[in-house]
Amino acid sequence: MIGRVLPEFRLNDVIVLSGGLLEEELVESAKREIVATANLDFASIAANVDDELTATVRGVKLGQVASVSAPSLDSGLLATAYVSAANTVTVRVSNVTIGAIDAAAQDFFLSVGNP
């Protein structure tokens, strides 16, 4: 074992972050999916405009594919995600309506893996 053990739990060979991973598993995570939850609060988004916020997700790297789910997202808002830097996932919310929407802060469920 390399390094110290940080809190974690597993679900079907998916590493679920709850504070971190074994350092050796960060190397192995290239073969696995990393999932995390980020509570994000977007400001009011004007009609037909996008807004972005970032979330720190330990272990992700450029070139990996990110997806996002936001079960409580207001009607007319679409969420997408991408890895924008090492350990950083950017969540983009697009307002596809004809009016501004000011959504409440909510949990965004992120999933990152290899293409």
C-alpha atoms as a PDB file:
ATOM      1  CA  MET A   1       0.000   0.000   0.000  1.00  0.00           C
ATOM      2  CA  ILE A   2       1.270   3.450  -0.904  1.00  0.00           C
ATOM      3  CA  GLY A   3       0.469   6.344   1.409  1.00  0.00           C
ATOM      4  CA  ARG A   4      -2.345   6.596   3.866  1.00  0.00           C
ATOM      5  CA  VAL A   5      -5.931   5.441   3.696  1.00  0.00           C
ATOM      6  CA  LEU A   6      -8.522   8.176   3.267  1.00  0.00           C
ATOM      7  CA  PRO A   7     -12.303   7.662   3.636  1.00  0.00           C
ATOM      8  CA  GLU A   8     -13.920   5.910   0.667  1.00  0.00           C
ATOM      9  CA  PHE A   9     -16.450   3.279  -0.260  1.00  0.00           C
ATOM     10  CA  ARG A  10     -16.949   1.190  -3.383  1.00  0.00           C
ATOM     11  CA  LEU A  11     -19.961   0.455  -5.512  1.00  0.00           C
ATOM     12  CA  ASN A  12     -19.483  -2.079  -8.343  1.00  0.00           C
ATOM     13  CA  ASP A  13     -15.850  -1.155  -9.051  1.00  0.00           C
ATOM     14  CA  VAL A  14     -16.713   2.545  -9.048  1.00  0.00           C
ATOM     15  CA  ILE A  15     -14.764   4.620  -6.565  1.00  0.00           C
ATOM     16  CA  VAL A  16     -17.179   6.880  -4.751  1.00  0.00           C
ATOM     17  CA  LEU A  17     -15.423   9.873  -3.243  1.00  0.00           C
ATOM     18  CA  SER A  18     -16.165  10.709   0.353  1.00  0.00           C
ATOM     19  CA  GLY A  19     -12.971  12.497   1.195  1.00  0.00           C
ATOM     20  CA  GLY A  20     -10.420  10.726  -0.959  1.00  0.00           C
ATOM     21  CA  LEU A  21      -8.798   7.555  -2.221  1.00  0.00           C
ATOM     22  CA  LEU A  22      -5.749   5.485  -1.486  1.00  0.00           C
ATOM     23  CA  GLU A  23      -2.911   7.163  -3.366  1.00  0.00           C
ATOM     24  CA  GLU A  24      -2.278   3.939  -5.304  1.00  0.00           C
ATOM     25  CA  GLU A  25      -5.921   3.933  -6.343  1.00  0.00           C
ATOM     26  CA  LEU A  26      -5.523   7.358  -7.943  1.00  0.00           C
ATOM     27  CA  VAL A  27      -3.346   5.601 -10.515  1.00  0.00           C
ATOM     28  CA  GLU A  28      -5.927   2.830 -10.850  1.00  0.00           C
ATOM     29  CA  SER A  29      -8.744   5.365 -11.144  1.00  0.00           C
ATOM     30  CA  ALA A  30      -7.753   5.900 -14.780  1.00  0.00           C
ATOM     31  CA  LYS A  31      -9.526   2.581 -15.380  1.00  0.00           C
ATOM     32  CA  ARG A  32     -12.555   3.478 -13.278  1.00  0.00           C
ATOM     33  CA  GLU A  33     -15.287   6.014 -13.037  1.00  0.00           C
ATOM     34  CA  ILE A  34     -14.987   8.762 -10.422  1.00  0.00           C
ATOM     35  CA  VAL A  35     -18.243  10.122  -9.064  1.00  0.00           C
ATOM     36  CA  ALA A  36     -18.836  13.113  -6.815  1.00  0.00           C
ATOM     37  CA  THR A  37     -21.551  15.508  -5.715  1.00  0.00           C
ATOM     38  CA  ALA A  38     -21.185  19.284  -5.862  1.00  0.00           C
ATOM     39  CA  ASN A  39     -23.658  21.760  -4.414  1.00  0.00           C
ATOM     40  CA  LEU A  40     -23.689  24.685  -6.834  1.00  0.00           C
ATOM     41  CA  ASP A  41     -25.628  27.947  -6.789  1.00  0.00           C
ATOM     42  CA  PHE A  42     -25.869  29.586 -10.195  1.00  0.00           C
ATOM     43  CA  ALA A  43     -26.850  33.252 -10.357  1.00  0.00           C
ATOM     44  CA  SER A  44     -29.864  34.265 -12.429  1.00  0.00           C
ATOM     45  CA  ILE A  45     -29.297  33.073 -16.000  1.00  0.00           C
ATOM     46  CA  ALA A  46     -30.713  35.283 -18.754  1.00  0.00           C
ATOM     47  CA  ALA A  47     -32.722  33.836 -21.650  1.00  0.00           C
ATOM     48  CA  ASN A  48     -30.621  31.853 -24.139  1.00  0.00           C
ATOM     49  CA  VAL A  49     -27.450  32.275 -22.077  1.00  0.00           C
ATOM     50  CA  ASP A  50     -24.998  29.809 -20.479  1.00  0.00           C
ATOM     51  CA  ASP A  51     -23.309  30.100 -17.098  1.00  0.00           C
ATOM     52  CA  GLU A  52     -20.477  27.988 -15.664  1.00  0.00           C
ATOM     53  CA  LEU A  53     -19.270  27.066 -12.181  1.00  0.00           C
ATOM     54  CA  THR A  54     -16.444  24.718 -11.215  1.00  0.00           C
ATOM     55  CA  ALA A  55     -16.267  21.856  -8.745  1.00  0.00           C
ATOM     56  CA  THR A  56     -13.131  20.276  -7.319  1.00  0.00           C
ATOM     57  CA  VAL A  57     -13.123  16.521  -7.999  1.00  0.00           C
ATOM     58  CA  ARG A  58      -9.922  14.906  -6.781  1.00  0.00           C
ATOM     59  CA  GLY A  59      -8.289  12.574  -9.285  1.00  0.00           C
ATOM     60  CA  VAL A  60      -9.829  13.793 -12.555  1.00  0.00           C
ATOM     61  CA  LYS A  61      -7.571  14.918 -15.390  1.00  0.00           C
ATOM     62  CA  LEU A  62      -7.804  16.586 -18.775  1.00  0.00           C
ATOM     63  CA  GLY A  63      -8.953  14.248 -21.520  1.00  0.00           C
ATOM     64  CA  GLN A  64     -11.478  12.435 -19.353  1.00  0.00           C
ATOM     65  CA  VAL A  65     -15.188  12.612 -20.100  1.00  0.00           C
ATOM     66  CA  ALA A  66     -17.573  14.163 -17.590  1.00  0.00           C
ATOM     67  CA  SER A  67     -21.323  13.877 -17.292  1.00  0.00           C
ATOM     68  CA  VAL A  68     -23.729  15.553 -14.908  1.00  0.00           C
ATOM     69  CA  SER A  69     -27.166  14.895 -13.480  1.00  0.00           C
ATOM     70  CA  ALA A  70     -29.228  17.498 -11.651  1.00  0.00           C
ATOM     71  CA  PRO A  71     -32.571  15.981 -10.652  1.00  0.00           C
ATOM     72  CA  SER A  72     -33.947  19.254  -9.260  1.00  0.00           C
ATOM     73  CA  LEU A  73     -32.932  21.488 -12.165  1.00  0.00           C
ATOM     74  CA  ASP A  74     -35.642  23.934 -13.215  1.00  0.00           C
ATOM     75  CA  SER A  75     -37.548  23.310 -16.433  1.00  0.00           C
ATOM     76  CA  GLY A  76     -35.792  25.109 -19.294  1.00  0.00           C
ATOM     77  CA  LEU A  77     -32.308  24.648 -17.871  1.00  0.00           C
ATOM     78  CA  LEU A  78     -29.877  22.092 -19.333  1.00  0.00           C
ATOM     79  CA  ALA A  79     -26.711  20.989 -17.526  1.00  0.00           C
ATOM     80  CA  THR A  80     -23.512  19.682 -19.121  1.00  0.00           C
ATOM     81  CA  ALA A  81     -20.064  19.086 -17.655  1.00  0.00           C
ATOM     82  CA  TYR A  82     -16.450  18.775 -18.767  1.00  0.00           C
ATOM     83  CA  VAL A  83     -13.029  18.367 -17.165  1.00  0.00           C
ATOM     84  CA  SER A  84     -11.472  21.821 -17.448  1.00  0.00           C
ATOM     85  CA  ALA A  85      -8.241  21.171 -15.494  1.00  0.00           C
ATOM     86  CA  ALA A  86      -6.664  18.577 -13.243  1.00  0.00           C
ATOM     87  CA  ASN A  87      -8.995  17.963 -10.276  1.00  0.00           C
ATOM     88  CA  THR A  88     -11.593  20.369 -11.736  1.00  0.00           C
ATOM     89  CA  VAL A  89     -14.937  19.747 -13.409  1.00  0.00           C
ATOM     90  CA  THR A  90     -16.817  22.664 -14.945  1.00  0.00           C
ATOM     91  CA  VAL A  91     -20.615  22.508 -14.917  1.00  0.00           C
ATOM     92  CA  ARG A  92     -22.367  24.562 -17.602  1.00  0.00           C
ATOM     93  CA  VAL A  93     -26.045  25.389 -17.223  1.00  0.00           C
ATOM     94  CA  SER A  94     -27.863  26.701 -20.289  1.00  0.00           C
ATOM     95  CA  ASN A  95     -31.155  28.574 -20.167  1.00  0.00           C
ATOM     96  CA  VAL A  96     -33.086  27.602 -23.302  1.00  0.00           C
ATOM     97  CA  THR A  97     -36.186  29.648 -22.450  1.00  0.00           C
ATOM     98  CA  ILE A  98     -37.285  33.156 -23.391  1.00  0.00           C
ATOM     99  CA  GLY A  99     -37.003  34.438 -19.804  1.00  0.00           C
ATOM    100  CA  ALA A 100     -34.394  34.626 -17.038  1.00  0.00           C
ATOM    101  CA  ILE A 101     -34.285  31.773 -14.495  1.00  0.00           C
ATOM    102  CA  ASP A 102     -32.787  32.037 -11.012  1.00  0.00           C
ATOM    103  CA  ALA A 103     -32.526  28.445  -9.810  1.00  0.00           C
ATOM    104  CA  ALA A 104     -31.910  27.585  -6.174  1.00  0.00           C
ATOM    105  CA  ALA A 105     -28.634  26.042  -5.046  1.00  0.00           C
ATOM    106  CA  GLN A 106     -28.734  22.289  -5.571  1.00  0.00           C
ATOM    107  CA  ASP A 107     -26.697  19.114  -5.785  1.00  0.00           C
ATOM    108  CA  PHE A 108     -25.151  18.227  -9.125  1.00  0.00           C
ATOM    109  CA  PHE A 109     -24.056  14.590  -9.466  1.00  0.00           C
ATOM    110  CA  LEU A 110     -20.826  14.303 -11.478  1.00  0.00           C
ATOM    111  CA  SER A 111     -19.382  11.254 -13.175  1.00  0.00           C
ATOM    112  CA  VAL A 112     -15.932  11.252 -14.793  1.00  0.00           C
ATOM    113  CA  GLY A 113     -14.252   8.462 -16.716  1.00  0.00           C
ATOM    114  CA  ASN A 114     -12.116   7.705 -19.735  1.00  0.00           C
ATOM    115  CA  PRO A 115     -13.519   8.073 -23.259  1.00  0.00           C
END
